[in-house]
Protein backbone atom coordinates (compact mmCIF):
# COMPACT_ATOMS: atom_id res chain seq x y z
CA MET A 1 -20.54 121.72 -17.42
CA PRO A 2 -23.32 121.10 -14.89
CA TRP A 3 -23.03 117.49 -13.79
CA GLN A 4 -26.68 117.54 -12.68
CA ASP A 5 -27.71 117.24 -16.34
CA HIS A 6 -25.70 114.03 -16.75
CA ILE A 7 -25.81 112.11 -13.46
CA VAL A 8 -28.92 110.52 -11.98
CA SER A 9 -29.76 108.36 -9.02
CA THR A 10 -32.88 106.23 -8.93
CA PRO A 11 -33.65 103.59 -6.32
CA ASP A 12 -34.67 101.02 -8.94
CA THR A 13 -31.34 101.13 -10.81
CA LEU A 14 -28.01 100.14 -9.21
CA HIS A 15 -29.64 100.47 -5.77
CA GLY A 16 -29.63 104.24 -6.15
CA ALA A 17 -25.90 104.63 -6.87
CA PRO A 18 -25.16 107.75 -8.90
CA ARG A 19 -24.82 106.77 -12.56
CA PHE A 20 -24.56 108.41 -15.94
CA ARG A 21 -27.95 109.18 -17.44
CA GLY A 22 -29.01 106.54 -19.97
CA THR A 23 -26.48 103.97 -18.71
CA ARG A 24 -25.97 101.54 -15.87
CA ILE A 25 -22.41 102.76 -15.35
CA PRO A 26 -21.84 104.15 -11.85
CA VAL A 27 -19.91 107.40 -11.53
CA SER A 28 -17.65 105.61 -9.05
CA VAL A 29 -16.39 103.33 -11.84
CA VAL A 30 -15.03 106.32 -13.75
CA LEU A 31 -13.54 107.92 -10.64
CA ASP A 32 -11.95 104.65 -9.49
CA ASN A 33 -10.41 104.09 -12.91
CA LEU A 34 -9.09 107.65 -13.13
CA ALA A 35 -7.56 107.25 -9.67
CA ALA A 36 -5.87 104.06 -10.91
CA GLY A 37 -4.31 105.96 -13.82
CA ILE A 38 -6.57 104.74 -16.62
CA THR A 39 -6.80 107.24 -19.48
CA THR A 40 -10.03 108.65 -20.84
CA GLU A 41 -9.42 106.83 -24.11
CA GLU A 42 -9.05 103.48 -22.32
CA LEU A 43 -12.20 104.13 -20.28
CA LEU A 44 -14.16 104.79 -23.45
CA ARG A 45 -12.81 101.57 -24.98
CA GLN A 46 -13.66 99.53 -21.87
CA TYR A 47 -17.13 101.08 -21.53
CA PRO A 48 -18.45 101.83 -25.03
CA THR A 49 -21.77 103.16 -23.69
CA LEU A 50 -19.98 105.71 -21.51
CA PRO A 51 -20.72 109.25 -22.67
CA VAL A 52 -17.68 111.04 -24.14
CA ASP A 53 -17.97 113.83 -21.57
CA ALA A 54 -18.21 111.39 -18.63
CA VAL A 55 -14.76 112.15 -17.24
CA GLY A 56 -15.41 115.88 -16.95
CA VAL A 57 -18.86 115.25 -15.53
CA ALA A 58 -17.51 112.77 -12.96
CA LEU A 59 -14.79 115.19 -11.89
CA ALA A 60 -17.30 118.03 -11.51
CA TYR A 61 -19.48 115.75 -9.38
CA ALA A 62 -16.50 114.71 -7.24
CA ALA A 63 -15.47 118.34 -6.80
CA ASP A 64 -18.93 119.18 -5.46
CA LEU A 65 -18.75 116.27 -3.04
CA ALA A 66 -15.28 117.33 -1.89
CA ARG A 67 -16.64 120.72 -0.90
CA ASP A 68 -18.33 118.91 2.02
CA ARG A 69 -21.87 119.95 1.40
CA ILE A 70 -25.09 118.11 0.71
CA VAL A 71 -25.53 117.47 -2.99
CA SER A 72 -28.91 116.46 -4.32
CA ILE A 73 -29.04 114.16 -7.33
CA PRO A 74 -31.87 114.49 -9.83
CA ALA A 75 -34.05 111.45 -10.45
């Protein structure tokens, strides 16, 4: 699943932090919660506007960042 279709970064929303398209939920919120052991189901309950595929998208985005290369984010 190409994360580029689901994650955007615009300077006028969340100061440019990467977020899920159509929401004000930063990708870092999902990654932080996953790192803390929160389940996908709990994330979706806590953030009802979070897209169902957000976990997979966030992990794909994080994997690209971990490859230590420059990753452009669509507007």
